[in-house]
Amino acid sequence: MYYVSKRLEISFAHKLKLDYESKCSRLHGHNGIVTVFCRSEQLDRNGMVTDFTKIKELISDSLDHCFLNETVTFNPTAENLAKWICDRIPNCYKVIFQESEGNSAAYIKDGCENAAL
């Protein structure tokens, strides 16, 4: 099995839709870090699991310097964003979405909890 990971820094704004009072319901911004983990039993015709440039394009073009409430159709929590990214990246099995220092969420596809990296 081949494994790769890609770490990106993104800047974004959002406001959360919550059923309780929170300052996070107001518009605010983050400088976040997204780490994408991909794996494959075979390499593609270019000798890659997933092209690092494609990973960067898929994330940066969609999320970097964006107001996420206008970009996605769901509540843009770190947990929801981690799953959304994982679903968009070829061969992705895990995403860690760190929205700020000390606050991270991870999404791991079923059956991949013990994968490497």
PDB file of N, CA and C in Angstrom:
ATOM      1  N   MET A   1       0.855  -1.178   0.000  1.00  0.00           N
ATOM      2  CA  MET A   1       0.000   0.000   0.000  1.00  0.00           C
ATOM      3  C   MET A   1       0.898   1.237   0.000  1.00  0.00           C
ATOM      4  N   TYR A   2       0.550   2.213  -0.816  1.00  0.00           N
ATOM      5  CA  TYR A   2       1.263   3.489  -0.880  1.00  0.00           C
ATOM      6  C   TYR A   2       0.455   4.545  -0.130  1.00  0.00           C
ATOM      7  N   TYR A   3       1.160   5.432   0.572  1.00  0.00           N
ATOM      8  CA  TYR A   3       0.520   6.485   1.346  1.00  0.00           C
ATOM      9  C   TYR A   3       1.178   7.822   1.044  1.00  0.00           C
ATOM     10  N   VAL A   4       0.370   8.876   0.963  1.00  0.00           N
ATOM     11  CA  VAL A   4       0.878  10.242   0.851  1.00  0.00           C
ATOM     12  C   VAL A   4       0.025  11.142   1.745  1.00  0.00           C
ATOM     13  N   SER A   5       0.618  12.261   2.128  1.00  0.00           N
ATOM     14  CA  SER A   5      -0.154  13.270   2.853  1.00  0.00           C
ATOM     15  C   SER A   5       0.232  14.641   2.332  1.00  0.00           C
ATOM     16  N   LYS A   6      -0.692  15.563   2.425  1.00  0.00           N
ATOM     17  CA  LYS A   6      -0.492  16.938   1.974  1.00  0.00           C
ATOM     18  C   LYS A   6      -1.046  17.853   3.048  1.00  0.00           C
ATOM     19  N   ARG A   7      -0.241  18.839   3.456  1.00  0.00           N
ATOM     20  CA  ARG A   7      -0.642  19.814   4.467  1.00  0.00           C
ATOM     21  C   ARG A   7      -0.751  21.172   3.801  1.00  0.00           C
ATOM     22  N   LEU A   8      -1.878  21.850   4.035  1.00  0.00           N
ATOM     23  CA  LEU A   8      -2.115  23.163   3.440  1.00  0.00           C
ATOM     24  C   LEU A   8      -2.582  24.140   4.499  1.00  0.00           C
ATOM     25  N   GLU A   9      -2.212  25.382   4.332  1.00  0.00           N
ATOM     26  CA  GLU A   9      -2.723  26.443   5.184  1.00  0.00           C
ATOM     27  C   GLU A   9      -3.742  27.230   4.387  1.00  0.00           C
ATOM     28  N   ILE A  10      -4.878  27.498   5.018  1.00  0.00           N
ATOM     29  CA  ILE A  10      -5.929  28.262   4.361  1.00  0.00           C
ATOM     30  C   ILE A  10      -6.445  29.341   5.296  1.00  0.00           C
ATOM     31  N   SER A  11      -6.927  30.407   4.721  1.00  0.00           N
ATOM     32  CA  SER A  11      -7.589  31.474   5.464  1.00  0.00           C
ATOM     33  C   SER A  11      -9.037  31.511   5.020  1.00  0.00           C
ATOM     34  N   PHE A  12      -9.940  31.576   5.985  1.00  0.00           N
ATOM     35  CA  PHE A  12     -11.356  31.546   5.622  1.00  0.00           C
ATOM     36  C   PHE A  12     -12.185  32.253   6.687  1.00  0.00           C
ATOM     37  N   ALA A  13     -13.393  32.600   6.300  1.00  0.00           N
ATOM     38  CA  ALA A  13     -14.377  33.169   7.215  1.00  0.00           C
ATOM     39  C   ALA A  13     -15.616  32.281   7.185  1.00  0.00           C
ATOM     40  N   HIS A  14     -16.301  32.254   8.302  1.00  0.00           N
ATOM     41  CA  HIS A  14     -17.571  31.525   8.372  1.00  0.00           C
ATOM     42  C   HIS A  14     -18.338  31.984   9.606  1.00  0.00           C
ATOM     43  N   LYS A  15     -19.565  31.559   9.671  1.00  0.00           N
ATOM     44  CA  LYS A  15     -20.357  31.689  10.884  1.00  0.00           C
ATOM     45  C   LYS A  15     -21.145  30.399  11.011  1.00  0.00           C
ATOM     46  N   LEU A  16     -21.203  29.898  12.218  1.00  0.00           N
ATOM     47  CA  LEU A  16     -21.845  28.612  12.443  1.00  0.00           C
ATOM     48  C   LEU A  16     -23.317  28.782  12.768  1.00  0.00           C
ATOM     49  N   LYS A  17     -24.109  27.847  12.310  1.00  0.00           N
ATOM     50  CA  LYS A  17     -25.538  27.807  12.621  1.00  0.00           C
ATOM     51  C   LYS A  17     -25.698  26.877  13.812  1.00  0.00           C
ATOM     52  N   LEU A  18     -25.950  27.450  14.974  1.00  0.00           N
ATOM     53  CA  LEU A  18     -26.006  26.678  16.207  1.00  0.00           C
ATOM     54  C   LEU A  18     -27.354  26.856  16.894  1.00  0.00           C
ATOM     55  N   ASP A  19     -27.744  25.867  17.686  1.00  0.00           N
ATOM     56  CA  ASP A  19     -29.012  25.962  18.412  1.00  0.00           C
ATOM     57  C   ASP A  19     -28.809  26.461  19.836  1.00  0.00           C
ATOM     58  N   TYR A  20     -27.700  27.139  20.076  1.00  0.00           N
ATOM     59  CA  TYR A  20     -27.406  27.763  21.356  1.00  0.00           C
ATOM     60  C   TYR A  20     -26.618  29.049  21.101  1.00  0.00           C
ATOM     61  N   GLU A  21     -26.568  29.923  22.099  1.00  0.00           N
ATOM     62  CA  GLU A  21     -25.847  31.192  21.971  1.00  0.00           C
ATOM     63  C   GLU A  21     -24.347  30.931  21.950  1.00  0.00           C
ATOM     64  N   SER A  22     -23.671  31.518  20.957  1.00  0.00           N
ATOM     65  CA  SER A  22     -22.219  31.358  20.842  1.00  0.00           C
ATOM     66  C   SER A  22     -21.661  32.475  19.984  1.00  0.00           C
ATOM     67  N   LYS A  23     -20.477  32.948  20.333  1.00  0.00           N
ATOM     68  CA  LYS A  23     -19.836  33.961  19.498  1.00  0.00           C
ATOM     69  C   LYS A  23     -19.497  33.394  18.127  1.00  0.00           C
ATOM     70  N   CYS A  24     -19.434  32.062  17.991  1.00  0.00           N
ATOM     71  CA  CYS A  24     -19.144  31.436  16.705  1.00  0.00           C
ATOM     72  C   CYS A  24     -20.305  31.563  15.713  1.00  0.00           C
ATOM     73  N   SER A  25     -21.467  32.000  16.196  1.00  0.00           N
ATOM     74  CA  SER A  25     -22.599  32.251  15.312  1.00  0.00           C
ATOM     75  C   SER A  25     -22.437  33.561  14.548  1.00  0.00           C
ATOM     76  N   ARG A  26     -21.488  34.380  14.998  1.00  0.00           N
ATOM     77  CA  ARG A  26     -21.194  35.634  14.301  1.00  0.00           C
ATOM     78  C   ARG A  26     -20.076  35.403  13.296  1.00  0.00           C
ATOM     79  N   LEU A  27     -20.039  36.225  12.281  1.00  0.00           N
ATOM     80  CA  LEU A  27     -18.997  36.136  11.263  1.00  0.00           C
ATOM     81  C   LEU A  27     -17.620  36.288  11.909  1.00  0.00           C
ATOM     82  N   HIS A  28     -16.728  35.351  11.595  1.00  0.00           N
ATOM     83  CA  HIS A  28     -15.363  35.391  12.106  1.00  0.00           C
ATOM     84  C   HIS A  28     -14.442  34.629  11.152  1.00  0.00           C
ATOM     85  N   GLY A  29     -13.150  34.799  11.330  1.00  0.00           N
ATOM     86  CA  GLY A  29     -12.199  34.171  10.428  1.00  0.00           C
ATOM     87  C   GLY A  29     -11.175  33.314  11.145  1.00  0.00           C
ATOM     88  N   HIS A  30     -10.529  32.463  10.363  1.00  0.00           N
ATOM     89  CA  HIS A  30      -9.498  31.558  10.868  1.00  0.00           C
ATOM     90  C   HIS A  30      -8.359  31.452   9.863  1.00  0.00           C
ATOM     91  N   ASN A  31      -7.191  31.154  10.367  1.00  0.00           N
ATOM     92  CA  ASN A  31      -6.077  30.684   9.553  1.00  0.00           C
ATOM     93  C   ASN A  31      -5.922  29.217   9.923  1.00  0.00           C
ATOM     94  N   GLY A  32      -6.449  28.367   9.073  1.00  0.00           N
ATOM     95  CA  GLY A  32      -6.508  26.947   9.385  1.00  0.00           C
ATOM     96  C   GLY A  32      -5.461  26.136   8.670  1.00  0.00           C
ATOM     97  N   ILE A  33      -5.342  24.893   9.110  1.00  0.00           N
ATOM     98  CA  ILE A  33      -4.427  23.935   8.491  1.00  0.00           C
ATOM     99  C   ILE A  33      -5.231  22.692   8.153  1.00  0.00           C
ATOM    100  N   VAL A  34      -5.117  22.264   6.910  1.00  0.00           N
ATOM    101  CA  VAL A  34      -5.799  21.061   6.451  1.00  0.00           C
ATOM    102  C   VAL A  34      -4.726  20.043   6.076  1.00  0.00           C
ATOM    103  N   THR A  35      -4.838  18.838   6.639  1.00  0.00           N
ATOM    104  CA  THR A  35      -3.929  17.755   6.268  1.00  0.00           C
ATOM    105  C   THR A  35      -4.755  16.637   5.668  1.00  0.00           C
ATOM    106  N   VAL A  36      -4.387  16.262   4.442  1.00  0.00           N
ATOM    107  CA  VAL A  36      -5.098  15.250   3.668  1.00  0.00           C
ATOM    108  C   VAL A  36      -4.223  14.008   3.587  1.00  0.00           C
ATOM    109  N   PHE A  37      -4.815  12.847   3.813  1.00  0.00           N
ATOM    110  CA  PHE A  37      -4.108  11.577   3.747  1.00  0.00           C
ATOM    111  C   PHE A  37      -4.749  10.711   2.662  1.00  0.00           C
ATOM    112  N   CYS A  38      -3.938  10.208   1.729  1.00  0.00           N
ATOM    113  CA  CYS A  38      -4.436   9.376   0.639  1.00  0.00           C
ATOM    114  C   CYS A  38      -3.646   8.076   0.592  1.00  0.00           C
ATOM    115  N   ARG A  39      -4.270   7.046   0.034  1.00  0.00           N
ATOM    116  CA  ARG A  39      -3.594   5.764  -0.102  1.00  0.00           C
ATOM    117  C   ARG A  39      -4.114   5.034  -1.325  1.00  0.00           C
ATOM    118  N   SER A  40      -3.275   4.131  -1.825  1.00  0.00           N
ATOM    119  CA  SER A  40      -3.671   3.320  -2.964  1.00  0.00           C
ATOM    120  C   SER A  40      -2.775   2.088  -3.026  1.00  0.00           C
ATOM    121  N   GLU A  41      -3.352   0.983  -3.449  1.00  0.00           N
ATOM    122  CA  GLU A  41      -2.559  -0.228  -3.625  1.00  0.00           C
ATOM    123  C   GLU A  41      -1.677  -0.130  -4.858  1.00  0.00           C
ATOM    124  N   GLN A  42      -2.097   0.666  -5.835  1.00  0.00           N
ATOM    125  CA  GLN A  42      -1.317   0.829  -7.063  1.00  0.00           C
ATOM    126  C   GLN A  42      -1.155   2.305  -7.369  1.00  0.00           C
ATOM    127  N   LEU A  43      -0.041   2.629  -7.986  1.00  0.00           N
ATOM    128  CA  LEU A  43       0.204   4.004  -8.408  1.00  0.00           C
ATOM    129  C   LEU A  43      -0.461   4.247  -9.752  1.00  0.00           C
ATOM    130  N   ASP A  44      -0.803   5.490 -10.027  1.00  0.00           N
ATOM    131  CA  ASP A  44      -1.392   5.821 -11.327  1.00  0.00           C
ATOM    132  C   ASP A  44      -0.313   5.807 -12.409  1.00  0.00           C
ATOM    133  N   ARG A  45      -0.679   6.125 -13.620  1.00  0.00           N
ATOM    134  CA  ARG A  45       0.271   6.047 -14.744  1.00  0.00           C
ATOM    135  C   ARG A  45       1.438   7.025 -14.607  1.00  0.00           C
ATOM    136  N   ASN A  46       1.302   7.995 -13.701  1.00  0.00           N
ATOM    137  CA  ASN A  46       2.384   8.951 -13.445  1.00  0.00           C
ATOM    138  C   ASN A  46       3.222   8.564 -12.228  1.00  0.00           C
ATOM    139  N   GLY A  47       2.923   7.426 -11.618  1.00  0.00           N
ATOM    140  CA  GLY A  47       3.661   6.973 -10.453  1.00  0.00           C
ATOM    141  C   GLY A  47       3.236   7.646  -9.167  1.00  0.00           C
ATOM    142  N   MET A  48       1.965   8.055  -9.094  1.00  0.00           N
ATOM    143  CA  MET A  48       1.469   8.772  -7.918  1.00  0.00           C
ATOM    144  C   MET A  48       0.236   8.091  -7.328  1.00  0.00           C
ATOM    145  N   VAL A  49       0.041   8.323  -6.026  1.00  0.00           N
ATOM    146  CA  VAL A  49      -1.211   7.941  -5.376  1.00  0.00           C
ATOM    147  C   VAL A  49      -2.274   8.958  -5.769  1.00  0.00           C
ATOM    148  N   THR A  50      -2.007  10.207  -5.466  1.00  0.00           N
ATOM    149  CA  THR A  50      -2.839  11.350  -5.841  1.00  0.00           C
ATOM    150  C   THR A  50      -1.896  12.532  -6.000  1.00  0.00           C
ATOM    151  N   ASP A  51      -2.039  13.261  -7.080  1.00  0.00           N
ATOM    152  CA  ASP A  51      -1.152  14.388  -7.371  1.00  0.00           C
ATOM    153  C   ASP A  51      -1.291  15.472  -6.305  1.00  0.00           C
ATOM    154  N   PHE A  52      -0.173  15.861  -5.689  1.00  0.00           N
ATOM    155  CA  PHE A  52      -0.191  16.903  -4.655  1.00  0.00           C
ATOM    156  C   PHE A  52      -0.791  18.208  -5.181  1.00  0.00           C
ATOM    157  N   THR A  53      -0.503  18.526  -6.432  1.00  0.00           N
ATOM    158  CA  THR A  53      -1.035  19.761  -7.024  1.00  0.00           C
ATOM    159  C   THR A  53      -2.555  19.708  -7.116  1.00  0.00           C
ATOM    160  N   LYS A  54      -3.096  18.567  -7.468  1.00  0.00           N
ATOM    161  CA  LYS A  54      -4.561  18.417  -7.555  1.00  0.00           C
ATOM    162  C   LYS A  54      -5.205  18.562  -6.177  1.00  0.00           C
ATOM    163  N   ILE A  55      -4.554  18.007  -5.156  1.00  0.00           N
ATOM    164  CA  ILE A  55      -5.079  18.153  -3.801  1.00  0.00           C
ATOM    165  C   ILE A  55      -5.131  19.632  -3.439  1.00  0.00           C
ATOM    166  N   LYS A  56      -4.032  20.331  -3.682  1.00  0.00           N
ATOM    167  CA  LYS A  56      -3.973  21.760  -3.361  1.00  0.00           C
ATOM    168  C   LYS A  56      -5.048  22.535  -4.113  1.00  0.00           C
ATOM    169  N   GLU A  57      -5.205  22.260  -5.408  1.00  0.00           N
ATOM    170  CA  GLU A  57      -6.207  22.967  -6.208  1.00  0.00           C
ATOM    171  C   GLU A  57      -7.614  22.728  -5.664  1.00  0.00           C
ATOM    172  N   LEU A  58      -7.949  21.481  -5.368  1.00  0.00           N
ATOM    173  CA  LEU A  58      -9.296  21.164  -4.895  1.00  0.00           C
ATOM    174  C   LEU A  58      -9.620  21.867  -3.579  1.00  0.00           C
ATOM    175  N   ILE A  59      -8.641  21.994  -2.705  1.00  0.00           N
ATOM    176  CA  ILE A  59      -8.891  22.637  -1.414  1.00  0.00           C
ATOM    177  C   ILE A  59      -8.773  24.154  -1.522  1.00  0.00           C
ATOM    178  N   SER A  60      -7.670  24.630  -2.059  1.00  0.00           N
ATOM    179  CA  SER A  60      -7.446  26.078  -2.110  1.00  0.00           C
ATOM    180  C   SER A  60      -8.488  26.790  -2.956  1.00  0.00           C
ATOM    181  N   ASP A  61      -8.821  26.234  -4.106  1.00  0.00           N
ATOM    182  CA  ASP A  61      -9.798  26.886  -4.974  1.00  0.00           C
ATOM    183  C   ASP A  61     -11.173  26.968  -4.329  1.00  0.00           C
ATOM    184  N   SER A  62     -11.495  26.013  -3.463  1.00  0.00           N
ATOM    185  CA  SER A  62     -12.817  25.975  -2.843  1.00  0.00           C
ATOM    186  C   SER A  62     -12.897  26.696  -1.510  1.00  0.00           C
ATOM    187  N   LEU A  63     -11.788  26.704  -0.749  1.00  0.00           N
ATOM    188  CA  LEU A  63     -11.874  27.161   0.635  1.00  0.00           C
ATOM    189  C   LEU A  63     -10.991  28.352   0.995  1.00  0.00           C
ATOM    190  N   ASP A  64      -9.856  28.516   0.338  1.00  0.00           N
ATOM    191  CA  ASP A  64      -8.908  29.547   0.751  1.00  0.00           C
ATOM    192  C   ASP A  64      -9.423  30.940   0.399  1.00  0.00           C
ATOM    193  N   HIS A  65      -9.385  31.830   1.372  1.00  0.00           N
ATOM    194  CA  HIS A  65      -9.850  33.213   1.234  1.00  0.00           C
ATOM    195  C   HIS A  65     -11.304  33.281   0.769  1.00  0.00           C
ATOM    196  N   CYS A  66     -12.120  32.418   1.364  1.00  0.00           N
ATOM    197  CA  CYS A  66     -13.543  32.352   1.027  1.00  0.00           C
ATOM    198  C   CYS A  66     -14.398  32.532   2.274  1.00  0.00           C
ATOM    199  N   PHE A  67     -15.629  32.981   2.047  1.00  0.00           N
ATOM    200  CA  PHE A  67     -16.665  32.975   3.081  1.00  0.00           C
ATOM    201  C   PHE A  67     -17.382  31.645   2.917  1.00  0.00           C
ATOM    202  N   LEU A  68     -17.095  30.699   3.787  1.00  0.00           N
ATOM    203  CA  LEU A  68     -17.530  29.322   3.594  1.00  0.00           C
ATOM    204  C   LEU A  68     -19.038  29.146   3.562  1.00  0.00           C
ATOM    205  N   ASN A  69     -19.776  30.013   4.212  1.00  0.00           N
ATOM    206  CA  ASN A  69     -21.235  29.905   4.168  1.00  0.00           C
ATOM    207  C   ASN A  69     -21.779  30.124   2.765  1.00  0.00           C
ATOM    208  N   GLU A  70     -21.001  30.762   1.907  1.00  0.00           N
ATOM    209  CA  GLU A  70     -21.398  30.948   0.510  1.00  0.00           C
ATOM    210  C   GLU A  70     -20.787  29.891  -0.395  1.00  0.00           C
ATOM    211  N   THR A  71     -19.898  29.067   0.139  1.00  0.00           N
ATOM    212  CA  THR A  71     -19.186  28.062  -0.645  1.00  0.00           C
ATOM    213  C   THR A  71     -19.800  26.679  -0.514  1.00  0.00           C
ATOM    214  N   VAL A  72     -20.230  26.336   0.698  1.00  0.00           N
ATOM    215  CA  VAL A  72     -20.779  25.006   0.948  1.00  0.00           C
ATOM    216  C   VAL A  72     -22.251  25.122   1.353  1.00  0.00           C
ATOM    217  N   THR A  73     -22.969  24.022   1.227  1.00  0.00           N
ATOM    218  CA  THR A  73     -24.407  24.023   1.498  1.00  0.00           C
ATOM    219  C   THR A  73     -24.749  23.493   2.888  1.00  0.00           C
ATOM    220  N   PHE A  74     -23.747  23.237   3.703  1.00  0.00           N
ATOM    221  CA  PHE A  74     -23.947  22.686   5.033  1.00  0.00           C
ATOM    222  C   PHE A  74     -23.354  23.634   6.073  1.00  0.00           C
ATOM    223  N   ASN A  75     -23.603  23.368   7.334  1.00  0.00           N
ATOM    224  CA  ASN A  75     -23.041  24.146   8.426  1.00  0.00           C
ATOM    225  C   ASN A  75     -21.517  23.935   8.422  1.00  0.00           C
ATOM    226  N   PRO A  76     -20.720  24.987   8.197  1.00  0.00           N
ATOM    227  CA  PRO A  76     -19.278  24.815   7.986  1.00  0.00           C
ATOM    228  C   PRO A  76     -18.463  24.631   9.271  1.00  0.00           C
ATOM    229  N   THR A  77     -18.807  23.593  10.026  1.00  0.00           N
ATOM    230  CA  THR A  77     -18.008  23.224  11.189  1.00  0.00           C
ATOM    231  C   THR A  77     -16.746  22.515  10.715  1.00  0.00           C
ATOM    232  N   ALA A  78     -15.754  22.437  11.562  1.00  0.00           N
ATOM    233  CA  ALA A  78     -14.516  21.730  11.213  1.00  0.00           C
ATOM    234  C   ALA A  78     -14.806  20.264  10.891  1.00  0.00           C
ATOM    235  N   GLU A  79     -15.727  19.653  11.628  1.00  0.00           N
ATOM    236  CA  GLU A  79     -16.070  18.250  11.389  1.00  0.00           C
ATOM    237  C   GLU A  79     -16.685  18.056  10.006  1.00  0.00           C
ATOM    238  N   ASN A  80     -17.667  18.902   9.667  1.00  0.00           N
ATOM    239  CA  ASN A  80     -18.307  18.794   8.352  1.00  0.00           C
ATOM    240  C   ASN A  80     -17.330  19.088   7.222  1.00  0.00           C
ATOM    241  N   LEU A  81     -16.449  20.049   7.429  1.00  0.00           N
ATOM    242  CA  LEU A  81     -15.473  20.393   6.391  1.00  0.00           C
ATOM    243  C   LEU A  81     -14.470  19.261   6.170  1.00  0.00           C
ATOM    244  N   ALA A  82     -14.061  18.590   7.240  1.00  0.00           N
ATOM    245  CA  ALA A  82     -13.138  17.460   7.095  1.00  0.00           C
ATOM    246  C   ALA A  82     -13.754  16.364   6.229  1.00  0.00           C
ATOM    247  N   LYS A  83     -15.007  16.032   6.464  1.00  0.00           N
ATOM    248  CA  LYS A  83     -15.669  14.996   5.646  1.00  0.00           C
ATOM    249  C   LYS A  83     -15.843  15.458   4.205  1.00  0.00           C
ATOM    250  N   TRP A  84     -16.255  16.694   4.016  1.00  0.00           N
ATOM    251  CA  TRP A  84     -16.477  17.238   2.675  1.00  0.00           C
ATOM    252  C   TRP A  84     -15.191  17.174   1.854  1.00  0.00           C
ATOM    253  N   ILE A  85     -14.069  17.541   2.467  1.00  0.00           N
ATOM    254  CA  ILE A  85     -12.776  17.482   1.773  1.00  0.00           C
ATOM    255  C   ILE A  85     -12.430  16.032   1.433  1.00  0.00           C
ATOM    256  N   CYS A  86     -12.587  15.144   2.397  1.00  0.00           N
ATOM    257  CA  CYS A  86     -12.258  13.728   2.183  1.00  0.00           C
ATOM    258  C   CYS A  86     -13.049  13.154   1.009  1.00  0.00           C
ATOM    259  N   ASP A  87     -14.301  13.518   0.907  1.00  0.00           N
ATOM    260  CA  ASP A  87     -15.155  13.014  -0.180  1.00  0.00           C
ATOM    261  C   ASP A  87     -14.752  13.551  -1.550  1.00  0.00           C
ATOM    262  N   ARG A  88     -14.058  14.673  -1.598  1.00  0.00           N
ATOM    263  CA  ARG A  88     -13.691  15.301  -2.875  1.00  0.00           C
ATOM    264  C   ARG A  88     -12.326  14.881  -3.421  1.00  0.00           C
ATOM    265  N   ILE A  89     -11.441  14.379  -2.580  1.00  0.00           N
ATOM    266  CA  ILE A  89     -10.066  14.086  -2.971  1.00  0.00           C
ATOM    267  C   ILE A  89      -9.945  12.614  -3.361  1.00  0.00           C
ATOM    268  N   PRO A  90      -9.439  12.322  -4.567  1.00  0.00           N
ATOM    269  CA  PRO A  90      -9.261  10.921  -4.974  1.00  0.00           C
ATOM    270  C   PRO A  90      -8.332  10.170  -4.010  1.00  0.00           C
ATOM    271  N   ASN A  91      -8.716   8.972  -3.637  1.00  0.00           N
ATOM    272  CA  ASN A  91      -7.950   8.073  -2.776  1.00  0.00           C
ATOM    273  C   ASN A  91      -7.791   8.570  -1.345  1.00  0.00           C
ATOM    274  N   CYS A  92      -8.531   9.597  -0.957  1.00  0.00           N
ATOM    275  CA  CYS A  92      -8.423  10.139   0.392  1.00  0.00           C
ATOM    276  C   CYS A  92      -9.157   9.225   1.370  1.00  0.00           C
ATOM    277  N   TYR A  93      -8.506   8.973   2.509  1.00  0.00           N
ATOM    278  CA  TYR A  93      -9.133   8.173   3.551  1.00  0.00           C
ATOM    279  C   TYR A  93      -9.217   8.908   4.889  1.00  0.00           C
ATOM    280  N   LYS A  94      -8.503  10.053   5.002  1.00  0.00           N
ATOM    281  CA  LYS A  94      -8.490  10.779   6.271  1.00  0.00           C
ATOM    282  C   LYS A  94      -8.175  12.246   6.031  1.00  0.00           C
ATOM    283  N   VAL A  95      -8.855  13.122   6.773  1.00  0.00           N
ATOM    284  CA  VAL A  95      -8.575  14.555   6.735  1.00  0.00           C
ATOM    285  C   VAL A  95      -8.577  15.076   8.169  1.00  0.00           C
ATOM    286  N   ILE A  96      -7.576  15.879   8.480  1.00  0.00           N
ATOM    287  CA  ILE A  96      -7.556  16.607   9.747  1.00  0.00           C
ATOM    288  C   ILE A  96      -7.736  18.079   9.407  1.00  0.00           C
ATOM    289  N   PHE A  97      -8.743  18.697   9.992  1.00  0.00           N
ATOM    290  CA  PHE A  97      -9.049  20.100   9.746  1.00  0.00           C
ATOM    291  C   PHE A  97      -8.811  20.857  11.040  1.00  0.00           C
ATOM    292  N   GLN A  98      -7.719  21.608  11.088  1.00  0.00           N
ATOM    293  CA  GLN A  98      -7.380  22.412  12.259  1.00  0.00           C
ATOM    294  C   GLN A  98      -7.805  23.838  11.977  1.00  0.00           C
ATOM    295  N   GLU A  99      -8.872  24.286  12.642  1.00  0.00           N
ATOM    296  CA  GLU A  99      -9.367  25.624  12.343  1.00  0.00           C
ATOM    297  C   GLU A  99      -8.636  26.702  13.120  1.00  0.00           C
ATOM    298  N   SER A 100      -8.014  26.328  14.232  1.00  0.00           N
ATOM    299  CA  SER A 100      -7.207  27.265  15.006  1.00  0.00           C
ATOM    300  C   SER A 100      -6.301  26.457  15.924  1.00  0.00           C
ATOM    301  N   GLU A 101      -5.354  27.120  16.536  1.00  0.00           N
ATOM    302  CA  GLU A 101      -4.440  26.437  17.451  1.00  0.00           C
ATOM    303  C   GLU A 101      -5.235  25.736  18.546  1.00  0.00           C
ATOM    304  N   GLY A 102      -5.053  24.440  18.663  1.00  0.00           N
ATOM    305  CA  GLY A 102      -5.726  23.679  19.702  1.00  0.00           C
ATOM    306  C   GLY A 102      -7.102  23.159  19.341  1.00  0.00           C
ATOM    307  N   ASN A 103      -7.644  23.506  18.160  1.00  0.00           N
ATOM    308  CA  ASN A 103      -8.984  23.054  17.756  1.00  0.00           C
ATOM    309  C   ASN A 103      -8.917  22.352  16.413  1.00  0.00           C
ATOM    310  N   SER A 104      -9.024  21.032  16.442  1.00  0.00           N
ATOM    311  CA  SER A 104      -8.959  20.226  15.223  1.00  0.00           C
ATOM    312  C   SER A 104     -10.098  19.226  15.200  1.00  0.00           C
ATOM    313  N   ALA A 105     -10.485  18.846  13.998  1.00  0.00           N
ATOM    314  CA  ALA A 105     -11.451  17.770  13.792  1.00  0.00           C
ATOM    315  C   ALA A 105     -10.875  16.838  12.737  1.00  0.00           C
ATOM    316  N   ALA A 106     -11.182  15.560  12.868  1.00  0.00           N
ATOM    317  CA  ALA A 106     -10.710  14.585  11.883  1.00  0.00           C
ATOM    318  C   ALA A 106     -11.894  13.799  11.350  1.00  0.00           C
ATOM    319  N   TYR A 107     -11.781  13.426  10.080  1.00  0.00           N
ATOM    320  CA  TYR A 107     -12.735  12.500   9.481  1.00  0.00           C
ATOM    321  C   TYR A 107     -11.920  11.361   8.898  1.00  0.00           C
ATOM    322  N   ILE A 108     -12.286  10.129   9.250  1.00  0.00           N
ATOM    323  CA  ILE A 108     -11.618   8.938   8.748  1.00  0.00           C
ATOM    324  C   ILE A 108     -12.685   8.020   8.178  1.00  0.00           C
ATOM    325  N   LYS A 109     -12.502   7.615   6.920  1.00  0.00           N
ATOM    326  CA  LYS A 109     -13.485   6.719   6.300  1.00  0.00           C
ATOM    327  C   LYS A 109     -13.554   5.413   7.057  1.00  0.00           C
ATOM    328  N   ASP A 110     -14.741   4.815   7.084  1.00  0.00           N
ATOM    329  CA  ASP A 110     -14.933   3.522   7.750  1.00  0.00           C
ATOM    330  C   ASP A 110     -13.940   2.502   7.217  1.00  0.00           C
ATOM    331  N   GLY A 111     -13.383   1.736   8.145  1.00  0.00           N
ATOM    332  CA  GLY A 111     -12.447   0.686   7.777  1.00  0.00           C
ATOM    333  C   GLY A 111     -11.002   1.182   7.634  1.00  0.00           C
ATOM    334  N   CYS A 112     -10.775   2.466   7.801  1.00  0.00           N
ATOM    335  CA  CYS A 112      -9.432   3.016   7.631  1.00  0.00           C
ATOM    336  C   CYS A 112      -8.831   3.517   8.944  1.00  0.00           C
ATOM    337  N   GLU A 113      -9.456   3.221  10.042  1.00  0.00           N
ATOM    338  CA  GLU A 113      -9.007   3.741  11.332  1.00  0.00           C
ATOM    339  C   GLU A 113      -7.582   3.338  11.678  1.00  0.00           C
ATOM    340  N   ASN A 114      -7.112   2.223  11.180  1.00  0.00           N
ATOM    341  CA  ASN A 114      -5.763   1.740  11.505  1.00  0.00           C
ATOM    342  C   ASN A 114      -4.775   1.925  10.359  1.00  0.00           C
ATOM    343  N   ALA A 115      -5.129   2.747   9.392  1.00  0.00           N
ATOM    344  CA  ALA A 115      -4.236   2.965   8.252  1.00  0.00           C
ATOM    345  C   ALA A 115      -2.977   3.721   8.684  1.00  0.00           C
ATOM    346  N   ALA A 116      -1.940   3.581   7.904  1.00  0.00           N
ATOM    347  CA  ALA A 116      -0.652   4.228   8.196  1.00  0.00           C
ATOM    348  C   ALA A 116      -0.739   5.731   7.978  1.00  0.00           C
ATOM    349  N   LEU A 117       0.354   6.405   8.279  1.00  0.00           N
ATOM    350  CA  LEU A 117       0.519   7.850   8.223  1.00  0.00           C
ATOM    351  C   LEU A 117      -0.332   8.421   9.290  1.00  0.00           C
TER     352      LEU A 117
END
